[in-house]
Amino acid sequence: MSAKYEVGAIVTGKVTGIQPYGAFVALDEETQGLIHISEITHGYVRNIEDYLKVGDEVQAKIVAIDEEDGKISLSMREMESTKTDRKMSRRYGNIKLDDSSTGFNTLKEKLKEWIAQSEKSNTYQKK
């Protein structure tokens, strides 16, 4: 199993069964994974069948592999995060959030000014 599947991989499979705790997904003829109810989508899921039906083809990310028990844990929720990250990257480009970033330098400079103003204001209040 490990040669074929690895954690972090995006896989496509078919929903073969639904239980109150999750959905079973056939990845191939011999391999099945489980999407736990908490990994269906962001937010609270009361009923899995509101999101998935037996026979649905789904894409999911492999989040864990238990070699000993032969179990694969899948997540559709993490796929949503990946899609959102890609959309944000396309919309805003690859923004680096470090000290050399213009926006943060401006904020850093303003912070010094605000502290100086606050100290000056506090000095007047103390007199």
N, C-alpha and C. Protein backbone atom coordinates (compact mmCIF):
# COMPACT_ATOMS: atom_id res chain seq x y z
N MET A 1 0.82 -1.20 0.00
CA MET A 1 0.00 0.00 0.00
C MET A 1 0.86 1.26 0.00
N SER A 2 1.93 1.30 0.78
CA SER A 2 2.74 2.51 0.91
C SER A 2 3.40 2.89 -0.41
N ALA A 3 3.69 1.92 -1.25
CA ALA A 3 4.33 2.23 -2.52
C ALA A 3 3.35 2.97 -3.44
N LYS A 4 2.08 2.70 -3.27
CA LYS A 4 1.07 3.26 -4.15
C LYS A 4 0.52 4.60 -3.63
N TYR A 5 0.39 4.73 -2.32
CA TYR A 5 -0.21 5.92 -1.72
C TYR A 5 0.72 6.52 -0.68
N GLU A 6 0.69 7.86 -0.59
CA GLU A 6 1.50 8.52 0.43
C GLU A 6 0.74 9.72 1.00
N VAL A 7 1.05 10.04 2.26
CA VAL A 7 0.41 11.16 2.94
C VAL A 7 0.66 12.44 2.15
N GLY A 8 -0.39 13.23 1.98
CA GLY A 8 -0.31 14.49 1.24
C GLY A 8 -0.76 14.38 -0.20
N ALA A 9 -0.86 13.14 -0.70
CA ALA A 9 -1.27 12.94 -2.09
C ALA A 9 -2.77 13.24 -2.25
N ILE A 10 -3.12 13.76 -3.41
CA ILE A 10 -4.51 14.00 -3.76
C ILE A 10 -4.97 12.79 -4.56
N VAL A 11 -6.08 12.19 -4.12
CA VAL A 11 -6.59 10.98 -4.77
C VAL A 11 -8.04 11.18 -5.18
N THR A 12 -8.46 10.39 -6.14
CA THR A 12 -9.85 10.37 -6.58
C THR A 12 -10.40 8.99 -6.30
N GLY A 13 -11.61 8.94 -5.76
CA GLY A 13 -12.23 7.65 -5.47
C GLY A 13 -13.73 7.74 -5.53
N LYS A 14 -14.37 6.59 -5.31
CA LYS A 14 -15.82 6.52 -5.37
C LYS A 14 -16.37 6.15 -4.00
N VAL A 15 -17.38 6.89 -3.54
CA VAL A 15 -18.01 6.63 -2.24
C VAL A 15 -18.74 5.29 -2.33
N THR A 16 -18.35 4.36 -1.43
CA THR A 16 -18.94 3.02 -1.45
C THR A 16 -19.87 2.77 -0.27
N GLY A 17 -19.76 3.61 0.75
CA GLY A 17 -20.62 3.42 1.91
C GLY A 17 -20.59 4.65 2.80
N ILE A 18 -21.71 4.86 3.50
CA ILE A 18 -21.81 5.99 4.40
C ILE A 18 -22.30 5.51 5.75
N GLN A 19 -21.58 5.94 6.79
CA GLN A 19 -21.94 5.64 8.17
C GLN A 19 -22.09 6.98 8.89
N PRO A 20 -22.69 7.00 10.07
CA PRO A 20 -22.83 8.27 10.79
C PRO A 20 -21.50 8.96 11.08
N TYR A 21 -20.39 8.22 11.13
CA TYR A 21 -19.08 8.78 11.46
C TYR A 21 -18.24 9.12 10.25
N GLY A 22 -18.63 8.71 9.05
CA GLY A 22 -17.82 9.01 7.88
C GLY A 22 -18.26 8.27 6.64
N ALA A 23 -17.52 8.54 5.55
CA ALA A 23 -17.81 7.93 4.26
C ALA A 23 -16.62 7.08 3.82
N PHE A 24 -16.92 5.86 3.36
CA PHE A 24 -15.89 4.97 2.83
C PHE A 24 -15.73 5.25 1.35
N VAL A 25 -14.46 5.32 0.92
CA VAL A 25 -14.16 5.67 -0.47
C VAL A 25 -13.21 4.62 -1.04
N ALA A 26 -13.61 4.01 -2.16
CA ALA A 26 -12.75 3.05 -2.86
C ALA A 26 -11.77 3.83 -3.72
N LEU A 27 -10.48 3.62 -3.45
CA LEU A 27 -9.45 4.32 -4.21
C LEU A 27 -9.02 3.50 -5.43
N ASP A 28 -9.09 2.19 -5.28
CA ASP A 28 -8.84 1.26 -6.40
C ASP A 28 -9.53 -0.05 -6.04
N GLU A 29 -9.25 -1.09 -6.78
CA GLU A 29 -9.90 -2.39 -6.57
C GLU A 29 -9.66 -2.96 -5.17
N GLU A 30 -8.49 -2.67 -4.60
CA GLU A 30 -8.10 -3.29 -3.33
C GLU A 30 -8.03 -2.31 -2.15
N THR A 31 -8.04 -1.02 -2.41
CA THR A 31 -7.76 -0.04 -1.38
C THR A 31 -8.96 0.85 -1.11
N GLN A 32 -9.26 1.00 0.18
CA GLN A 32 -10.37 1.84 0.59
C GLN A 32 -9.89 2.82 1.66
N GLY A 33 -10.43 4.01 1.64
CA GLY A 33 -10.11 5.02 2.63
C GLY A 33 -11.37 5.50 3.32
N LEU A 34 -11.19 6.25 4.40
CA LEU A 34 -12.33 6.79 5.13
C LEU A 34 -12.19 8.30 5.25
N ILE A 35 -13.27 8.99 4.90
CA ILE A 35 -13.35 10.43 5.16
C ILE A 35 -14.20 10.58 6.41
N HIS A 36 -13.55 10.91 7.53
CA HIS A 36 -14.27 11.09 8.79
C HIS A 36 -15.23 12.28 8.64
N ILE A 37 -16.33 12.27 9.36
CA ILE A 37 -17.33 13.32 9.26
C ILE A 37 -16.73 14.71 9.47
N SER A 38 -15.71 14.81 10.33
CA SER A 38 -15.07 16.10 10.60
C SER A 38 -14.19 16.56 9.45
N GLU A 39 -13.92 15.67 8.48
CA GLU A 39 -13.06 16.00 7.35
C GLU A 39 -13.84 16.20 6.05
N ILE A 40 -15.18 16.26 6.15
CA ILE A 40 -16.01 16.47 4.95
C ILE A 40 -15.88 17.90 4.45
N THR A 41 -16.06 18.86 5.36
CA THR A 41 -16.00 20.28 5.00
C THR A 41 -15.72 21.09 6.26
N HIS A 42 -15.42 22.35 6.07
CA HIS A 42 -15.24 23.24 7.22
C HIS A 42 -16.60 23.47 7.86
N GLY A 43 -16.62 23.58 9.16
CA GLY A 43 -17.89 23.78 9.87
C GLY A 43 -18.49 22.46 10.32
N TYR A 44 -19.67 22.56 10.90
CA TYR A 44 -20.34 21.40 11.48
C TYR A 44 -21.12 20.64 10.41
N VAL A 45 -20.94 19.32 10.39
CA VAL A 45 -21.70 18.45 9.49
C VAL A 45 -22.61 17.58 10.34
N ARG A 46 -23.90 17.79 10.20
CA ARG A 46 -24.87 17.00 10.96
C ARG A 46 -25.12 15.66 10.26
N ASN A 47 -25.29 15.72 8.95
CA ASN A 47 -25.63 14.53 8.19
C ASN A 47 -24.72 14.45 6.96
N ILE A 48 -23.91 13.43 6.89
CA ILE A 48 -22.97 13.26 5.77
C ILE A 48 -23.70 13.21 4.44
N GLU A 49 -24.90 12.65 4.44
CA GLU A 49 -25.65 12.50 3.18
C GLU A 49 -26.12 13.84 2.62
N ASP A 50 -25.96 14.92 3.38
CA ASP A 50 -26.22 16.25 2.82
C ASP A 50 -25.08 16.66 1.89
N TYR A 51 -23.94 15.97 1.99
CA TYR A 51 -22.75 16.31 1.22
C TYR A 51 -22.35 15.21 0.23
N LEU A 52 -22.55 13.95 0.63
CA LEU A 52 -22.09 12.82 -0.19
C LEU A 52 -23.18 11.76 -0.32
N LYS A 53 -23.14 11.07 -1.44
CA LYS A 53 -24.05 9.94 -1.69
C LYS A 53 -23.20 8.76 -2.17
N VAL A 54 -23.66 7.55 -1.93
CA VAL A 54 -22.97 6.36 -2.44
C VAL A 54 -22.93 6.47 -3.97
N GLY A 55 -21.76 6.24 -4.53
CA GLY A 55 -21.56 6.34 -5.97
C GLY A 55 -20.92 7.64 -6.41
N ASP A 56 -20.91 8.65 -5.54
CA ASP A 56 -20.25 9.92 -5.87
C ASP A 56 -18.76 9.72 -6.07
N GLU A 57 -18.21 10.40 -7.05
CA GLU A 57 -16.76 10.42 -7.23
C GLU A 57 -16.25 11.65 -6.50
N VAL A 58 -15.24 11.46 -5.66
CA VAL A 58 -14.72 12.55 -4.84
C VAL A 58 -13.21 12.65 -4.97
N GLN A 59 -12.71 13.85 -4.73
CA GLN A 59 -11.28 14.06 -4.60
C GLN A 59 -11.01 14.36 -3.14
N ALA A 60 -9.94 13.80 -2.62
CA ALA A 60 -9.58 13.99 -1.22
C ALA A 60 -8.07 13.93 -1.08
N LYS A 61 -7.61 14.45 0.05
CA LYS A 61 -6.19 14.43 0.36
C LYS A 61 -5.94 13.34 1.39
N ILE A 62 -4.88 12.57 1.21
CA ILE A 62 -4.51 11.55 2.19
C ILE A 62 -3.85 12.25 3.37
N VAL A 63 -4.47 12.11 4.56
CA VAL A 63 -3.93 12.77 5.75
C VAL A 63 -3.20 11.80 6.67
N ALA A 64 -3.48 10.50 6.56
CA ALA A 64 -2.78 9.52 7.39
C ALA A 64 -2.91 8.14 6.75
N ILE A 65 -1.87 7.34 6.97
CA ILE A 65 -1.87 5.95 6.52
C ILE A 65 -1.43 5.09 7.69
N ASP A 66 -2.27 4.14 8.06
CA ASP A 66 -1.93 3.19 9.12
C ASP A 66 -1.55 1.89 8.43
N GLU A 67 -0.26 1.70 8.22
CA GLU A 67 0.25 0.51 7.51
C GLU A 67 -0.16 -0.79 8.21
N GLU A 68 -0.10 -0.76 9.53
CA GLU A 68 -0.39 -1.97 10.31
C GLU A 68 -1.83 -2.44 10.11
N ASP A 69 -2.77 -1.50 10.18
CA ASP A 69 -4.18 -1.85 10.02
C ASP A 69 -4.65 -1.73 8.57
N GLY A 70 -3.82 -1.16 7.71
CA GLY A 70 -4.20 -1.00 6.31
C GLY A 70 -5.29 0.04 6.11
N LYS A 71 -5.30 1.10 6.94
CA LYS A 71 -6.32 2.13 6.86
C LYS A 71 -5.74 3.42 6.31
N ILE A 72 -6.52 4.07 5.46
CA ILE A 72 -6.13 5.36 4.91
C ILE A 72 -7.18 6.39 5.34
N SER A 73 -6.71 7.47 5.95
CA SER A 73 -7.60 8.56 6.35
C SER A 73 -7.55 9.64 5.28
N LEU A 74 -8.72 10.09 4.87
CA LEU A 74 -8.84 11.07 3.80
C LEU A 74 -9.50 12.35 4.31
N SER A 75 -9.28 13.45 3.59
CA SER A 75 -9.90 14.72 3.96
C SER A 75 -10.33 15.48 2.72
N MET A 76 -11.60 15.80 2.66
CA MET A 76 -12.10 16.71 1.63
C MET A 76 -11.92 18.15 2.13
N ARG A 77 -12.00 18.33 3.43
CA ARG A 77 -11.87 19.65 4.05
C ARG A 77 -10.52 20.28 3.71
N GLU A 78 -9.45 19.49 3.75
CA GLU A 78 -8.13 20.01 3.42
C GLU A 78 -8.02 20.38 1.94
N MET A 79 -8.83 19.75 1.11
CA MET A 79 -8.86 20.13 -0.30
C MET A 79 -9.45 21.53 -0.44
N GLU A 80 -10.45 21.86 0.39
CA GLU A 80 -11.04 23.20 0.37
C GLU A 80 -9.98 24.23 0.72
N SER A 81 -9.16 23.94 1.74
CA SER A 81 -8.11 24.85 2.14
C SER A 81 -7.13 25.05 0.99
N THR A 82 -6.78 23.97 0.32
CA THR A 82 -5.84 24.05 -0.79
C THR A 82 -6.42 24.89 -1.91
N LYS A 83 -7.70 24.71 -2.23
CA LYS A 83 -8.35 25.50 -3.27
C LYS A 83 -8.37 26.97 -2.87
N THR A 84 -8.69 27.26 -1.63
CA THR A 84 -8.74 28.64 -1.14
C THR A 84 -7.36 29.27 -1.22
N ASP A 85 -6.33 28.52 -0.80
CA ASP A 85 -4.96 29.04 -0.86
C ASP A 85 -4.57 29.37 -2.29
N ARG A 86 -4.94 28.49 -3.25
CA ARG A 86 -4.61 28.73 -4.65
C ARG A 86 -5.34 29.97 -5.17
N LYS A 87 -6.61 30.13 -4.81
CA LYS A 87 -7.37 31.30 -5.24
C LYS A 87 -6.73 32.57 -4.69
N MET A 88 -6.36 32.55 -3.40
CA MET A 88 -5.74 33.71 -2.77
C MET A 88 -4.41 34.03 -3.44
N SER A 89 -3.65 33.00 -3.77
CA SER A 89 -2.35 33.19 -4.40
C SER A 89 -2.53 33.83 -5.78
N ARG A 90 -3.52 33.36 -6.55
CA ARG A 90 -3.77 33.94 -7.87
C ARG A 90 -4.25 35.38 -7.74
N ARG A 91 -5.09 35.65 -6.76
CA ARG A 91 -5.67 36.98 -6.60
C ARG A 91 -4.64 37.99 -6.10
N TYR A 92 -3.83 37.60 -5.13
CA TYR A 92 -2.93 38.56 -4.49
C TYR A 92 -1.45 38.32 -4.80
N GLY A 93 -1.14 37.29 -5.54
CA GLY A 93 0.25 36.98 -5.82
C GLY A 93 0.91 36.38 -4.60
N ASN A 94 2.16 36.11 -4.68
CA ASN A 94 2.89 35.54 -3.55
C ASN A 94 3.41 36.66 -2.68
N ILE A 95 2.64 37.05 -1.69
CA ILE A 95 3.01 38.13 -0.79
C ILE A 95 3.88 37.56 0.32
N LYS A 96 5.04 38.17 0.52
CA LYS A 96 5.93 37.73 1.59
C LYS A 96 5.67 38.62 2.79
N LEU A 97 5.38 38.00 3.91
CA LEU A 97 5.09 38.75 5.12
C LEU A 97 6.30 38.72 6.05
N ASP A 98 7.27 39.57 5.71
CA ASP A 98 8.45 39.66 6.57
C ASP A 98 8.77 41.13 6.82
N ASP A 99 9.83 41.40 7.56
CA ASP A 99 10.16 42.77 7.93
C ASP A 99 10.48 43.65 6.73
N SER A 100 10.88 43.07 5.61
CA SER A 100 11.24 43.89 4.46
C SER A 100 10.03 44.28 3.64
N SER A 101 8.87 43.75 3.95
CA SER A 101 7.65 44.07 3.22
C SER A 101 7.27 45.53 3.47
N THR A 102 6.95 46.26 2.41
CA THR A 102 6.65 47.68 2.50
C THR A 102 5.56 47.97 3.51
N GLY A 103 4.46 47.23 3.46
CA GLY A 103 3.34 47.47 4.37
C GLY A 103 3.75 47.35 5.82
N PHE A 104 4.55 46.38 6.13
CA PHE A 104 4.96 46.19 7.52
C PHE A 104 6.01 47.22 7.93
N ASN A 105 6.86 47.66 7.02
CA ASN A 105 7.81 48.71 7.37
C ASN A 105 7.06 49.99 7.70
N THR A 106 6.06 50.29 6.91
CA THR A 106 5.25 51.48 7.17
C THR A 106 4.61 51.38 8.54
N LEU A 107 4.05 50.24 8.86
CA LEU A 107 3.44 50.03 10.15
C LEU A 107 4.47 50.16 11.27
N LYS A 108 5.65 49.59 11.04
CA LYS A 108 6.72 49.66 12.05
C LYS A 108 7.10 51.11 12.32
N GLU A 109 7.22 51.91 11.24
CA GLU A 109 7.55 53.33 11.39
C GLU A 109 6.42 54.07 12.10
N LYS A 110 5.20 53.79 11.73
CA LYS A 110 4.04 54.44 12.35
C LYS A 110 3.96 54.09 13.83
N LEU A 111 4.28 52.85 14.17
CA LEU A 111 4.23 52.42 15.56
C LEU A 111 5.15 53.26 16.42
N LYS A 112 6.37 53.53 15.92
CA LYS A 112 7.31 54.39 16.65
C LYS A 112 6.69 55.78 16.87
N GLU A 113 6.07 56.30 15.82
CA GLU A 113 5.44 57.62 15.90
C GLU A 113 4.29 57.61 16.92
N TRP A 114 3.48 56.57 16.90
CA TRP A 114 2.34 56.48 17.82
C TRP A 114 2.82 56.36 19.27
N ILE A 115 3.87 55.59 19.49
CA ILE A 115 4.41 55.44 20.85
C ILE A 115 4.94 56.79 21.34
N ALA A 116 5.64 57.50 20.47
CA ALA A 116 6.16 58.82 20.84
C ALA A 116 5.01 59.76 21.17
N GLN A 117 3.96 59.76 20.39
CA GLN A 117 2.79 60.61 20.65
C GLN A 117 2.14 60.24 21.97
N SER A 118 2.04 58.94 22.23
CA SER A 118 1.42 58.47 23.46
C SER A 118 2.24 58.89 24.67
N GLU A 119 3.56 58.76 24.58
CA GLU A 119 4.44 59.15 25.68
C GLU A 119 4.36 60.65 25.92
N LYS A 120 4.30 61.42 24.83
CA LYS A 120 4.19 62.87 24.94
C LYS A 120 2.87 63.24 25.60
N SER A 121 1.80 62.57 25.20
CA SER A 121 0.48 62.81 25.76
C SER A 121 0.44 62.46 27.24
N ASN A 122 1.05 61.33 27.60
CA ASN A 122 1.09 60.91 29.01
C ASN A 122 1.90 61.87 29.86
N THR A 123 2.95 62.50 29.29
CA THR A 123 3.79 63.45 30.00
C THR A 123 2.96 64.67 30.37
N TYR A 124 2.14 65.15 29.44
CA TYR A 124 1.29 66.30 29.71
C TYR A 124 0.24 66.00 30.77
N GLN A 125 -0.29 64.80 30.75
CA GLN A 125 -1.32 64.41 31.70
C GLN A 125 -0.78 64.30 33.13
N LYS A 126 0.49 63.92 33.28
CA LYS A 126 1.09 63.75 34.58
C LYS A 126 1.34 65.08 35.29
N LYS A 127 1.51 66.17 34.55
CA LYS A 127 1.84 67.48 35.14
C LYS A 127 0.65 68.14 35.77
